[in-house]
Amino acid sequence: MSFLQPLYLLLLLLLPLVIVFLIWRNRAKQRILNRIGSPEVVAQLIASTHPQRRVIQMMLWFVAFTALIFAAACPTWGMSTEVIDSSGVQVVFVLDVSRSMDAQDTVPSRLQRAMLDIKTLTQSIEGNDIAIVLFAADAITYVPLTYDSQLINSFLDAVTTDSLSNQGTNLSAAINRAQLSFSGDSNAEKIIVLMTDGENHEGNILTLANSLIESETNLYVVGYGSEDGGLIPVYDANGNLIDYKTDNFGAVVETRLNADLLNQFAEAAQGTYLQTGSGVDMMQLADAILALTPGQLGPRVISRPIEQGFVFVGIAMLALSLELLLPVLGRIFR
């Protein structure tokens, strides 16, 4: 059992005070009755003053109060499913996981910043179909098209620069894999968000740009890193920094953002280039995606928890009804 309004459960902290109040009320009533006459005589004249009956009344009031608190918290259990037609756009995030994305000239690192941006965008455009493609020297569809943002985030948390063994920056493989990730059964707008530093790229960007234009795919390129560059950290199995990457001659490797290449690619594909530096860029990108005309995404199965508050309302009403009927029930079963 879970609750849609769990804050109301804090009212359960008042239950000890309710018990104290009911006991005080019972004793105050008893003192008044004692002034009228002996308890035995009063009990015969007024049925509701019988000690056992007053205890039962207190218990029923306590049950009713507790049940109403649970009802106010909107308890749920069980799930109902519903099939709905959905509309929106298809977005494929193409994430560079080559070693250079570990550089920390973008805080906390290029890759970590890109993953944070994906989570931000996923939340902002929730309800649309989203996929994730990882690439280095080759590319894979890491998360197929889905509208489940929690699933996307859980898979994203496991991404590192070790996710793909072959290193490089193969833009051709990345874009081709992204285009294969779209659903051919949907007429929704297709969007590729390429997130990379653009270093040591492979593939003819003009050919890639033409293929995107021909397939009517919207391209947004987000560059990570700085033109001043940064070092590529090397970690041990426990995640501790032990060195920086070196080349075959022992020199420390510096990696830089290839902004010119990424900007040229975006322009050639009639897309947009953004460079990391502020969260405003991601909000602008989210606004641009949401401004596109939605298309049909197909049927979706929506699961919703079933509210069961009426059960506790019924318990409260039953308890209060029994409290009102106690005198009648007492005469029947006397």
C-alpha atoms as a PDB file:
ATOM      1  CA  MET A   1       0.000   0.000   0.000  1.00  0.00           C
ATOM      2  CA  SER A   2       1.233   3.487  -0.871  1.00  0.00           C
ATOM      3  CA  PHE A   3      -0.199   6.967  -0.400  1.00  0.00           C
ATOM      4  CA  LEU A   4      -0.720   9.852  -2.827  1.00  0.00           C
ATOM      5  CA  GLN A   5      -0.882  12.385   0.042  1.00  0.00           C
ATOM      6  CA  PRO A   6       1.469  10.906   2.660  1.00  0.00           C
ATOM      7  CA  LEU A   7       1.799  14.171   4.607  1.00  0.00           C
ATOM      8  CA  TYR A   8      -1.660  13.573   6.073  1.00  0.00           C
ATOM      9  CA  LEU A   9      -0.211  10.558   7.878  1.00  0.00           C
ATOM     10  CA  LEU A  10       1.524  13.022  10.197  1.00  0.00           C
ATOM     11  CA  LEU A  11      -1.891  13.447  11.803  1.00  0.00           C
ATOM     12  CA  LEU A  12      -1.375   9.974  13.261  1.00  0.00           C
ATOM     13  CA  LEU A  13       0.960  11.688  15.718  1.00  0.00           C
ATOM     14  CA  LEU A  14      -2.170  13.209  17.250  1.00  0.00           C
ATOM     15  CA  LEU A  15      -3.597   9.795  18.161  1.00  0.00           C
ATOM     16  CA  PRO A  16      -2.070   9.790  21.672  1.00  0.00           C
ATOM     17  CA  LEU A  17      -3.739  13.170  22.272  1.00  0.00           C
ATOM     18  CA  VAL A  18      -7.028  11.747  21.001  1.00  0.00           C
ATOM     19  CA  ILE A  19      -6.738   8.866  23.462  1.00  0.00           C
ATOM     20  CA  VAL A  20      -5.986  11.277  26.316  1.00  0.00           C
ATOM     21  CA  PHE A  21      -8.967  13.445  25.310  1.00  0.00           C
ATOM     22  CA  LEU A  22     -11.358  10.482  25.175  1.00  0.00           C
ATOM     23  CA  ILE A  23     -10.208   9.239  28.586  1.00  0.00           C
ATOM     24  CA  TRP A  24     -10.541  12.748  30.062  1.00  0.00           C
ATOM     25  CA  ARG A  25     -14.008  13.119  28.499  1.00  0.00           C
ATOM     26  CA  ASN A  26     -15.081   9.759  29.910  1.00  0.00           C
ATOM     27  CA  ARG A  27     -13.877  10.612  33.410  1.00  0.00           C
ATOM     28  CA  ALA A  28     -15.453  14.067  33.321  1.00  0.00           C
ATOM     29  CA  LYS A  29     -18.768  12.518  32.314  1.00  0.00           C
ATOM     30  CA  GLN A  30     -18.424   9.959  35.110  1.00  0.00           C
ATOM     31  CA  ARG A  31     -17.844  12.693  37.704  1.00  0.00           C
ATOM     32  CA  ILE A  32     -21.015  14.455  36.597  1.00  0.00           C
ATOM     33  CA  LEU A  33     -23.007  11.221  36.820  1.00  0.00           C
ATOM     34  CA  ASN A  34     -21.618  10.485  40.273  1.00  0.00           C
ATOM     35  CA  ARG A  35     -23.198  13.689  41.524  1.00  0.00           C
ATOM     36  CA  ILE A  36     -26.594  12.453  40.373  1.00  0.00           C
ATOM     37  CA  GLY A  37     -26.479   9.202  42.352  1.00  0.00           C
ATOM     38  CA  SER A  38     -24.691   5.919  42.803  1.00  0.00           C
ATOM     39  CA  PRO A  39     -23.161   4.417  39.647  1.00  0.00           C
ATOM     40  CA  GLU A  40     -25.413   1.330  39.858  1.00  0.00           C
ATOM     41  CA  VAL A  41     -28.613   3.385  39.954  1.00  0.00           C
ATOM     42  CA  VAL A  42     -27.458   5.754  37.204  1.00  0.00           C
ATOM     43  CA  ALA A  43     -26.439   2.805  34.995  1.00  0.00           C
ATOM     44  CA  GLN A  44     -29.949   1.368  35.287  1.00  0.00           C
ATOM     45  CA  LEU A  45     -31.576   4.714  34.461  1.00  0.00           C
ATOM     46  CA  ILE A  46     -29.225   5.727  31.631  1.00  0.00           C
ATOM     47  CA  ALA A  47     -27.999   2.819  29.507  1.00  0.00           C
ATOM     48  CA  SER A  48     -25.238   4.853  27.820  1.00  0.00           C
ATOM     49  CA  THR A  49     -23.470   5.334  31.142  1.00  0.00           C
ATOM     50  CA  HIS A  50     -22.568   1.674  31.489  1.00  0.00           C
ATOM     51  CA  PRO A  51     -18.737   1.521  31.846  1.00  0.00           C
ATOM     52  CA  GLN A  52     -18.264  -1.182  29.194  1.00  0.00           C
ATOM     53  CA  ARG A  53     -20.434   0.718  26.744  1.00  0.00           C
ATOM     54  CA  ARG A  54     -18.423   3.896  27.254  1.00  0.00           C
ATOM     55  CA  VAL A  55     -15.194   1.974  26.572  1.00  0.00           C
ATOM     56  CA  ILE A  56     -16.685   0.615  23.342  1.00  0.00           C
ATOM     57  CA  GLN A  57     -17.749   4.147  22.358  1.00  0.00           C
ATOM     58  CA  MET A  58     -14.208   5.408  22.919  1.00  0.00           C
ATOM     59  CA  MET A  59     -12.788   2.608  20.798  1.00  0.00           C
ATOM     60  CA  LEU A  60     -15.232   3.323  17.972  1.00  0.00           C
ATOM     61  CA  TRP A  61     -14.374   7.036  17.990  1.00  0.00           C
ATOM     62  CA  PHE A  62     -10.678   6.129  17.914  1.00  0.00           C
ATOM     63  CA  VAL A  63     -11.173   3.759  14.970  1.00  0.00           C
ATOM     64  CA  ALA A  64     -13.205   6.376  13.066  1.00  0.00           C
ATOM     65  CA  PHE A  65     -10.576   9.098  13.592  1.00  0.00           C
ATOM     66  CA  THR A  66      -7.735   6.795  12.516  1.00  0.00           C
ATOM     67  CA  ALA A  67      -9.617   5.584   9.425  1.00  0.00           C
ATOM     68  CA  LEU A  68     -10.359   9.158   8.320  1.00  0.00           C
ATOM     69  CA  ILE A  69      -6.657  10.025   8.537  1.00  0.00           C
ATOM     70  CA  PHE A  70      -5.791   7.088   6.279  1.00  0.00           C
ATOM     71  CA  ALA A  71      -8.572   8.093   3.874  1.00  0.00           C
ATOM     72  CA  ALA A  72      -7.226  11.667   3.685  1.00  0.00           C
ATOM     73  CA  ALA A  73      -3.777  10.307   2.762  1.00  0.00           C
ATOM     74  CA  CYS A  74      -5.303   8.709  -0.381  1.00  0.00           C
ATOM     75  CA  PRO A  75      -4.133   5.098   0.003  1.00  0.00           C
ATOM     76  CA  THR A  76      -3.583   3.101  -3.171  1.00  0.00           C
ATOM     77  CA  TRP A  77      -3.042  -0.544  -3.966  1.00  0.00           C
ATOM     78  CA  GLY A  78      -3.449  -2.489  -7.158  1.00  0.00           C
ATOM     79  CA  MET A  79      -2.953  -1.087 -10.667  1.00  0.00           C
ATOM     80  CA  SER A  80      -5.333  -0.254 -13.483  1.00  0.00           C
ATOM     81  CA  THR A  81      -4.174  -0.192 -17.109  1.00  0.00           C
ATOM     82  CA  GLU A  82      -5.428   1.961 -19.939  1.00  0.00           C
ATOM     83  CA  VAL A  83      -4.462   2.073 -23.624  1.00  0.00           C
ATOM     84  CA  ILE A  84      -4.232   5.600 -25.030  1.00  0.00           C
ATOM     85  CA  ASP A  85      -3.173   7.133 -28.340  1.00  0.00           C
ATOM     86  CA  SER A  86      -0.122   9.345 -27.901  1.00  0.00           C
ATOM     87  CA  SER A  87       1.426  12.151 -29.902  1.00  0.00           C
ATOM     88  CA  GLY A  88       4.778  13.900 -29.783  1.00  0.00           C
ATOM     89  CA  VAL A  89       8.216  13.675 -31.377  1.00  0.00           C
ATOM     90  CA  GLN A  90      11.002  11.092 -31.554  1.00  0.00           C
ATOM     91  CA  VAL A  91      14.305  12.138 -29.980  1.00  0.00           C
ATOM     92  CA  VAL A  92      17.533  10.127 -30.196  1.00  0.00           C
ATOM     93  CA  PHE A  93      20.387  11.258 -27.960  1.00  0.00           C
ATOM     94  CA  VAL A  94      23.704  10.274 -29.560  1.00  0.00           C
ATOM     95  CA  LEU A  95      26.283  10.221 -26.770  1.00  0.00           C
ATOM     96  CA  ASP A  96      30.037  10.109 -27.300  1.00  0.00           C
ATOM     97  CA  VAL A  97      31.678   7.661 -24.845  1.00  0.00           C
ATOM     98  CA  SER A  98      35.238   7.844 -26.174  1.00  0.00           C
ATOM     99  CA  ARG A  99      38.055   8.299 -23.636  1.00  0.00           C
ATOM    100  CA  SER A 100      38.381  12.015 -24.369  1.00  0.00           C
ATOM    101  CA  MET A 101      34.929  12.535 -22.820  1.00  0.00           C
ATOM    102  CA  ASP A 102      36.525  11.861 -19.394  1.00  0.00           C
ATOM    103  CA  ALA A 103      38.389  15.174 -19.627  1.00  0.00           C
ATOM    104  CA  GLN A 104      37.409  17.601 -16.891  1.00  0.00           C
ATOM    105  CA  ASP A 105      37.606  20.912 -18.742  1.00  0.00           C
ATOM    106  CA  THR A 106      33.815  20.717 -18.420  1.00  0.00           C
ATOM    107  CA  VAL A 107      32.707  20.106 -14.831  1.00  0.00           C
ATOM    108  CA  PRO A 108      32.449  17.415 -13.530  1.00  0.00           C
ATOM    109  CA  SER A 109      33.623  15.871 -16.821  1.00  0.00           C
ATOM    110  CA  ARG A 110      32.501  16.080 -20.416  1.00  0.00           C
ATOM    111  CA  LEU A 111      30.661  12.765 -20.203  1.00  0.00           C
ATOM    112  CA  GLN A 112      29.099  13.415 -16.797  1.00  0.00           C
ATOM    113  CA  ARG A 113      27.925  16.834 -17.950  1.00  0.00           C
ATOM    114  CA  ALA A 114      26.401  15.330 -21.088  1.00  0.00           C
ATOM    115  CA  MET A 115      24.545  12.713 -19.042  1.00  0.00           C
ATOM    116  CA  LEU A 116      23.219  15.405 -16.694  1.00  0.00           C
ATOM    117  CA  ASP A 117      22.027  17.352 -19.737  1.00  0.00           C
ATOM    118  CA  ILE A 118      20.227  14.274 -21.083  1.00  0.00           C
ATOM    119  CA  LYS A 119      18.440  13.850 -17.754  1.00  0.00           C
ATOM    120  CA  THR A 120      17.456  17.530 -17.761  1.00  0.00           C
ATOM    121  CA  LEU A 121      16.154  17.342 -21.321  1.00  0.00           C
ATOM    122  CA  THR A 122      14.377  14.038 -20.716  1.00  0.00           C
ATOM    123  CA  GLN A 123      12.492  15.600 -17.829  1.00  0.00           C
ATOM    124  CA  SER A 124      11.654  18.717 -19.850  1.00  0.00           C
ATOM    125  CA  ILE A 125      10.312  16.791 -22.864  1.00  0.00           C
ATOM    126  CA  GLU A 126       8.729  13.942 -20.915  1.00  0.00           C
ATOM    127  CA  GLY A 127       5.954  12.174 -22.803  1.00  0.00           C
ATOM    128  CA  ASN A 128       7.829  12.043 -26.107  1.00  0.00           C
ATOM    129  CA  ASP A 129       9.635   8.962 -27.423  1.00  0.00           C
ATOM    130  CA  ILE A 130      13.320   8.992 -26.493  1.00  0.00           C
ATOM    131  CA  ALA A 131      16.232   6.695 -27.388  1.00  0.00           C
ATOM    132  CA  ILE A 132      19.945   6.712 -26.541  1.00  0.00           C
ATOM    133  CA  VAL A 133      22.759   5.733 -28.898  1.00  0.00           C
ATOM    134  CA  LEU A 134      26.306   5.316 -27.555  1.00  0.00           C
ATOM    135  CA  PHE A 135      29.262   5.667 -29.883  1.00  0.00           C
ATOM    136  CA  ALA A 136      33.032   5.678 -30.000  1.00  0.00           C
ATOM    137  CA  ALA A 137      34.730   3.766 -32.841  1.00  0.00           C
ATOM    138  CA  ASP A 138      31.390   2.029 -33.388  1.00  0.00           C
ATOM    139  CA  ALA A 139      27.831   2.659 -32.204  1.00  0.00           C
ATOM    140  CA  ILE A 140      25.017   0.795 -30.464  1.00  0.00           C
ATOM    141  CA  THR A 141      21.401   1.545 -29.619  1.00  0.00           C
ATOM    142  CA  TYR A 142      21.733   1.554 -25.838  1.00  0.00           C
ATOM    143  CA  VAL A 143      18.101   2.415 -25.035  1.00  0.00           C
ATOM    144  CA  PRO A 144      15.453   1.867 -27.770  1.00  0.00           C
ATOM    145  CA  LEU A 145      12.641   4.380 -28.185  1.00  0.00           C
ATOM    146  CA  THR A 146      10.645   4.628 -24.974  1.00  0.00           C
ATOM    147  CA  TYR A 147       8.566   7.153 -23.063  1.00  0.00           C
ATOM    148  CA  ASP A 148       9.701   5.787 -19.685  1.00  0.00           C
ATOM    149  CA  SER A 149      11.993   8.523 -18.320  1.00  0.00           C
ATOM    150  CA  GLN A 150      12.819   6.509 -15.196  1.00  0.00           C
ATOM    151  CA  LEU A 151      14.055   3.637 -17.354  1.00  0.00           C
ATOM    152  CA  ILE A 152      16.212   6.042 -19.360  1.00  0.00           C
ATOM    153  CA  ASN A 153      17.773   7.543 -16.236  1.00  0.00           C
ATOM    154  CA  SER A 154      18.485   4.156 -14.675  1.00  0.00           C
ATOM    155  CA  PHE A 155      20.289   2.934 -17.813  1.00  0.00           C
ATOM    156  CA  LEU A 156      22.095   6.250 -18.177  1.00  0.00           C
ATOM    157  CA  ASP A 157      23.607   5.975 -14.692  1.00  0.00           C
ATOM    158  CA  ALA A 158      25.573   2.916 -15.849  1.00  0.00           C
ATOM    159  CA  VAL A 159      27.253   4.660 -18.816  1.00  0.00           C
ATOM    160  CA  THR A 160      31.035   5.195 -18.706  1.00  0.00           C
ATOM    161  CA  THR A 161      33.810   5.537 -21.265  1.00  0.00           C
ATOM    162  CA  ASP A 162      34.267   1.775 -20.825  1.00  0.00           C
ATOM    163  CA  SER A 163      30.775   1.102 -22.206  1.00  0.00           C
ATOM    164  CA  LEU A 164      32.322   0.512 -25.646  1.00  0.00           C
ATOM    165  CA  SER A 165      35.687  -1.184 -26.002  1.00  0.00           C
ATOM    166  CA  ASN A 166      36.763   0.214 -29.390  1.00  0.00           C
ATOM    167  CA  GLN A 167      37.903   3.806 -29.056  1.00  0.00           C
ATOM    168  CA  GLY A 168      37.498   6.638 -31.553  1.00  0.00           C
ATOM    169  CA  THR A 169      34.851   9.150 -32.638  1.00  0.00           C
ATOM    170  CA  ASN A 170      33.007   7.572 -35.554  1.00  0.00           C
ATOM    171  CA  LEU A 171      30.322  10.112 -36.438  1.00  0.00           C
ATOM    172  CA  SER A 172      29.170   8.068 -39.445  1.00  0.00           C
ATOM    173  CA  ALA A 173      28.429   5.016 -37.312  1.00  0.00           C
ATOM    174  CA  ALA A 174      26.732   7.203 -34.710  1.00  0.00           C
ATOM    175  CA  ILE A 175      24.409   9.019 -37.117  1.00  0.00           C
ATOM    176  CA  ASN A 176      23.562   5.860 -39.068  1.00  0.00           C
ATOM    177  CA  ARG A 177      22.701   4.010 -35.868  1.00  0.00           C
ATOM    178  CA  ALA A 178      20.573   6.942 -34.705  1.00  0.00           C
ATOM    179  CA  GLN A 179      18.581   6.932 -37.942  1.00  0.00           C
ATOM    180  CA  LEU A 180      17.952   3.202 -37.550  1.00  0.00           C
ATOM    181  CA  SER A 181      16.662   3.843 -34.027  1.00  0.00           C
ATOM    182  CA  PHE A 182      13.661   5.841 -35.242  1.00  0.00           C
ATOM    183  CA  SER A 183      10.316   4.126 -35.658  1.00  0.00           C
ATOM    184  CA  GLY A 184       9.307   3.756 -39.291  1.00  0.00           C
ATOM    185  CA  ASP A 185       5.652   3.401 -38.301  1.00  0.00           C
ATOM    186  CA  SER A 186       5.405   6.927 -36.905  1.00  0.00           C
ATOM    187  CA  ASN A 187       4.895  10.226 -38.717  1.00  0.00           C
ATOM    188  CA  ALA A 188       6.356  12.155 -35.776  1.00  0.00           C
ATOM    189  CA  GLU A 189       9.233  14.600 -36.204  1.00  0.00           C
ATOM    190  CA  LYS A 190      12.674  12.962 -35.949  1.00  0.00           C
ATOM    191  CA  ILE A 191      15.331  14.674 -33.854  1.00  0.00           C
ATOM    192  CA  ILE A 192      18.975  13.743 -33.282  1.00  0.00           C
ATOM    193  CA  VAL A 193      20.835  15.385 -30.410  1.00  0.00           C
ATOM    194  CA  LEU A 194      24.548  14.710 -30.952  1.00  0.00           C
ATOM    195  CA  MET A 195      26.602  15.170 -27.763  1.00  0.00           C
ATOM    196  CA  THR A 196      30.357  15.009 -28.360  1.00  0.00           C
ATOM    197  CA  ASP A 197      33.678  16.834 -28.231  1.00  0.00           C
ATOM    198  CA  GLY A 198      34.174  16.115 -31.953  1.00  0.00           C
ATOM    199  CA  GLU A 199      37.806  15.095 -31.523  1.00  0.00           C
ATOM    200  CA  ASN A 200      39.509  12.569 -33.851  1.00  0.00           C
ATOM    201  CA  HIS A 201      36.302  12.112 -35.791  1.00  0.00           C
ATOM    202  CA  GLU A 202      35.746   9.592 -38.554  1.00  0.00           C
ATOM    203  CA  GLY A 203      33.282  10.056 -41.416  1.00  0.00           C
ATOM    204  CA  ASN A 204      32.468  12.616 -44.091  1.00  0.00           C
ATOM    205  CA  ILE A 205      30.345  15.277 -42.413  1.00  0.00           C
ATOM    206  CA  LEU A 206      28.906  16.555 -45.704  1.00  0.00           C
ATOM    207  CA  THR A 207      27.657  13.090 -46.636  1.00  0.00           C
ATOM    208  CA  LEU A 208      26.167  12.681 -43.167  1.00  0.00           C
ATOM    209  CA  ALA A 209      24.542  16.111 -43.357  1.00  0.00           C
ATOM    210  CA  ASN A 210      22.934  15.328 -46.721  1.00  0.00           C
ATOM    211  CA  SER A 211      21.521  12.053 -45.396  1.00  0.00           C
ATOM    212  CA  LEU A 212      19.916  13.922 -42.496  1.00  0.00           C
ATOM    213  CA  ILE A 213      18.378  16.503 -44.818  1.00  0.00           C
ATOM    214  CA  GLU A 214      17.026  13.802 -47.141  1.00  0.00           C
ATOM    215  CA  SER A 215      15.446  11.927 -44.226  1.00  0.00           C
ATOM    216  CA  GLU A 216      13.991  15.183 -42.827  1.00  0.00           C
ATOM    217  CA  THR A 217      15.773  14.681 -39.522  1.00  0.00           C
ATOM    218  CA  ASN A 218      16.342  17.655 -37.238  1.00  0.00           C
ATOM    219  CA  LEU A 219      19.908  17.858 -35.904  1.00  0.00           C
ATOM    220  CA  TYR A 220      21.120  19.535 -32.735  1.00  0.00           C
ATOM    221  CA  VAL A 221      24.833  19.297 -31.977  1.00  0.00           C
ATOM    222  CA  VAL A 222      26.047  19.973 -28.442  1.00  0.00           C
ATOM    223  CA  GLY A 223      29.788  20.442 -27.990  1.00  0.00           C
ATOM    224  CA  TYR A 224      31.492  19.441 -24.741  1.00  0.00           C
ATOM    225  CA  GLY A 225      34.896  20.619 -23.582  1.00  0.00           C
ATOM    226  CA  SER A 226      36.913  23.759 -24.215  1.00  0.00           C
ATOM    227  CA  GLU A 227      39.226  24.908 -26.971  1.00  0.00           C
ATOM    228  CA  ASP A 228      41.952  25.356 -24.334  1.00  0.00           C
ATOM    229  CA  GLY A 229      41.711  21.627 -23.770  1.00  0.00           C
ATOM    230  CA  GLY A 230      42.128  19.290 -20.846  1.00  0.00           C
ATOM    231  CA  LEU A 231      43.859  16.101 -19.757  1.00  0.00           C
ATOM    232  CA  ILE A 232      42.321  12.628 -19.864  1.00  0.00           C
ATOM    233  CA  PRO A 233      42.420  11.043 -16.396  1.00  0.00           C
ATOM    234  CA  VAL A 234      43.220   7.370 -15.889  1.00  0.00           C
ATOM    235  CA  TYR A 235      41.539   5.576 -12.986  1.00  0.00           C
ATOM    236  CA  ASP A 236      42.170   2.287 -11.232  1.00  0.00           C
ATOM    237  CA  ALA A 237      39.531  -0.394 -10.651  1.00  0.00           C
ATOM    238  CA  ASN A 238      38.321   1.453  -7.535  1.00  0.00           C
ATOM    239  CA  GLY A 239      37.818   4.736  -9.366  1.00  0.00           C
ATOM    240  CA  ASN A 240      40.923   6.438  -7.944  1.00  0.00           C
ATOM    241  CA  LEU A 241      42.940   8.786 -10.172  1.00  0.00           C
ATOM    242  CA  ILE A 242      46.333   7.209 -10.851  1.00  0.00           C
ATOM    243  CA  ASP A 243      47.648   9.036 -13.931  1.00  0.00           C
ATOM    244  CA  TYR A 244      46.780  10.917 -17.110  1.00  0.00           C
ATOM    245  CA  LYS A 245      46.634   9.356 -20.554  1.00  0.00           C
ATOM    246  CA  THR A 246      49.888   9.464 -22.541  1.00  0.00           C
ATOM    247  CA  ASP A 247      50.699   8.797 -26.183  1.00  0.00           C
ATOM    248  CA  ASN A 248      53.109   6.191 -27.557  1.00  0.00           C
ATOM    249  CA  PHE A 249      56.044   8.491 -26.812  1.00  0.00           C
ATOM    250  CA  GLY A 250      55.085   9.015 -23.169  1.00  0.00           C
ATOM    251  CA  ALA A 251      53.805  12.563 -23.641  1.00  0.00           C
ATOM    252  CA  VAL A 252      50.637  13.547 -21.787  1.00  0.00           C
ATOM    253  CA  VAL A 253      47.700  13.757 -24.193  1.00  0.00           C
ATOM    254  CA  GLU A 254      45.703  16.988 -24.335  1.00  0.00           C
ATOM    255  CA  THR A 255      42.183  16.857 -25.733  1.00  0.00           C
ATOM    256  CA  ARG A 256      40.297  19.844 -27.132  1.00  0.00           C
ATOM    257  CA  LEU A 257      36.773  20.569 -28.262  1.00  0.00           C
ATOM    258  CA  ASN A 258      36.583  20.642 -32.061  1.00  0.00           C
ATOM    259  CA  ALA A 259      33.968  23.385 -32.175  1.00  0.00           C
ATOM    260  CA  ASP A 260      34.659  24.319 -35.812  1.00  0.00           C
ATOM    261  CA  LEU A 261      33.937  20.807 -37.059  1.00  0.00           C
ATOM    262  CA  LEU A 262      30.754  20.453 -35.011  1.00  0.00           C
ATOM    263  CA  ASN A 263      29.498  23.867 -36.098  1.00  0.00           C
ATOM    264  CA  GLN A 264      30.175  23.032 -39.759  1.00  0.00           C
ATOM    265  CA  PHE A 265      28.321  19.741 -39.406  1.00  0.00           C
ATOM    266  CA  ALA A 266      25.302  21.441 -37.832  1.00  0.00           C
ATOM    267  CA  GLU A 267      25.188  24.131 -40.517  1.00  0.00           C
ATOM    268  CA  ALA A 268      25.563  21.608 -43.351  1.00  0.00           C
ATOM    269  CA  ALA A 269      22.641  19.588 -41.959  1.00  0.00           C
ATOM    270  CA  GLN A 270      20.559  22.756 -41.496  1.00  0.00           C
ATOM    271  CA  GLY A 271      20.698  22.097 -37.771  1.00  0.00           C
ATOM    272  CA  THR A 272      21.800  23.976 -34.675  1.00  0.00           C
ATOM    273  CA  TYR A 273      25.084  23.961 -32.759  1.00  0.00           C
ATOM    274  CA  LEU A 274      25.223  24.604 -29.027  1.00  0.00           C
ATOM    275  CA  GLN A 275      28.291  24.721 -26.821  1.00  0.00           C
ATOM    276  CA  THR A 276      28.048  23.862 -23.146  1.00  0.00           C
ATOM    277  CA  GLY A 277      28.561  26.683 -20.728  1.00  0.00           C
ATOM    278  CA  SER A 278      25.195  27.340 -19.142  1.00  0.00           C
ATOM    279  CA  GLY A 279      21.999  25.488 -18.367  1.00  0.00           C
ATOM    280  CA  VAL A 280      20.143  28.027 -20.485  1.00  0.00           C
ATOM    281  CA  ASP A 281      21.374  26.171 -23.585  1.00  0.00           C
ATOM    282  CA  MET A 282      19.543  23.023 -22.527  1.00  0.00           C
ATOM    283  CA  MET A 283      16.366  24.943 -21.782  1.00  0.00           C
ATOM    284  CA  GLN A 284      16.541  26.538 -25.228  1.00  0.00           C
ATOM    285  CA  LEU A 285      16.997  23.110 -26.762  1.00  0.00           C
ATOM    286  CA  ALA A 286      14.024  21.732 -24.820  1.00  0.00           C
ATOM    287  CA  ASP A 287      11.877  24.658 -25.973  1.00  0.00           C
ATOM    288  CA  ALA A 288      12.920  24.078 -29.593  1.00  0.00           C
ATOM    289  CA  ILE A 289      11.998  20.391 -29.396  1.00  0.00           C
ATOM    290  CA  LEU A 290       8.647  21.085 -27.764  1.00  0.00           C
ATOM    291  CA  ALA A 291       7.859  23.705 -30.425  1.00  0.00           C
ATOM    292  CA  LEU A 292       7.914  21.077 -33.191  1.00  0.00           C
ATOM    293  CA  THR A 293       4.578  19.832 -34.499  1.00  0.00           C
ATOM    294  CA  PRO A 294       3.662  16.597 -32.690  1.00  0.00           C
ATOM    295  CA  GLY A 295       2.874  13.480 -34.693  1.00  0.00           C
ATOM    296  CA  GLN A 296       1.326  10.132 -33.841  1.00  0.00           C
ATOM    297  CA  LEU A 297       3.561   7.937 -31.694  1.00  0.00           C
ATOM    298  CA  GLY A 298       1.183   4.984 -31.463  1.00  0.00           C
ATOM    299  CA  PRO A 299      -0.748   3.385 -28.609  1.00  0.00           C
ATOM    300  CA  ARG A 300       0.642   3.324 -25.090  1.00  0.00           C
ATOM    301  CA  VAL A 301      -0.343   1.306 -22.058  1.00  0.00           C
ATOM    302  CA  ILE A 302      -0.643   3.563 -19.020  1.00  0.00           C
ATOM    303  CA  SER A 303      -0.648   2.027 -15.545  1.00  0.00           C
ATOM    304  CA  ARG A 304      -2.234   3.956 -12.714  1.00  0.00           C
ATOM    305  CA  PRO A 305      -2.521   3.081  -9.015  1.00  0.00           C
ATOM    306  CA  ILE A 306      -6.075   2.484  -7.804  1.00  0.00           C
ATOM    307  CA  GLU A 307      -7.185   4.826  -5.027  1.00  0.00           C
ATOM    308  CA  GLN A 308      -8.758   2.935  -2.123  1.00  0.00           C
ATOM    309  CA  GLY A 309      -9.646   5.795   0.220  1.00  0.00           C
ATOM    310  CA  PHE A 310     -13.316   4.806   0.132  1.00  0.00           C
ATOM    311  CA  VAL A 311     -12.443   1.657   2.106  1.00  0.00           C
ATOM    312  CA  PHE A 312     -11.278   3.720   5.073  1.00  0.00           C
ATOM    313  CA  VAL A 313     -14.202   6.135   4.724  1.00  0.00           C
ATOM    314  CA  GLY A 314     -16.469   3.100   4.941  1.00  0.00           C
ATOM    315  CA  ILE A 315     -14.674   1.890   8.071  1.00  0.00           C
ATOM    316  CA  ALA A 316     -15.091   5.321   9.680  1.00  0.00           C
ATOM    317  CA  MET A 317     -18.802   5.484   8.792  1.00  0.00           C
ATOM    318  CA  LEU A 318     -19.341   1.966  10.132  1.00  0.00           C
ATOM    319  CA  ALA A 319     -17.625   2.829  13.408  1.00  0.00           C
ATOM    320  CA  LEU A 320     -19.663   6.025  13.854  1.00  0.00           C
ATOM    321  CA  SER A 321     -22.889   4.218  12.949  1.00  0.00           C
ATOM    322  CA  LEU A 322     -22.192   1.539  15.555  1.00  0.00           C
ATOM    323  CA  GLU A 323     -21.488   4.254  18.112  1.00  0.00           C
ATOM    324  CA  LEU A 324     -24.888   5.833  17.429  1.00  0.00           C
ATOM    325  CA  LEU A 325     -26.627   2.451  17.539  1.00  0.00           C
ATOM    326  CA  LEU A 326     -25.034   1.285  20.778  1.00  0.00           C
ATOM    327  CA  PRO A 327     -28.098   2.180  22.941  1.00  0.00           C
ATOM    328  CA  VAL A 328     -30.419   0.292  20.565  1.00  0.00           C
ATOM    329  CA  LEU A 329     -28.072  -2.684  20.339  1.00  0.00           C
ATOM    330  CA  GLY A 330     -27.768  -2.671  24.118  1.00  0.00           C
ATOM    331  CA  ARG A 331     -31.534  -3.012  24.558  1.00  0.00           C
ATOM    332  CA  ILE A 332     -31.713  -5.766  21.919  1.00  0.00           C
ATOM    333  CA  PHE A 333     -28.961  -7.895  23.439  1.00  0.00           C
ATOM    334  CA  ARG A 334     -29.721  -7.104  27.084  1.00  0.00           C
END
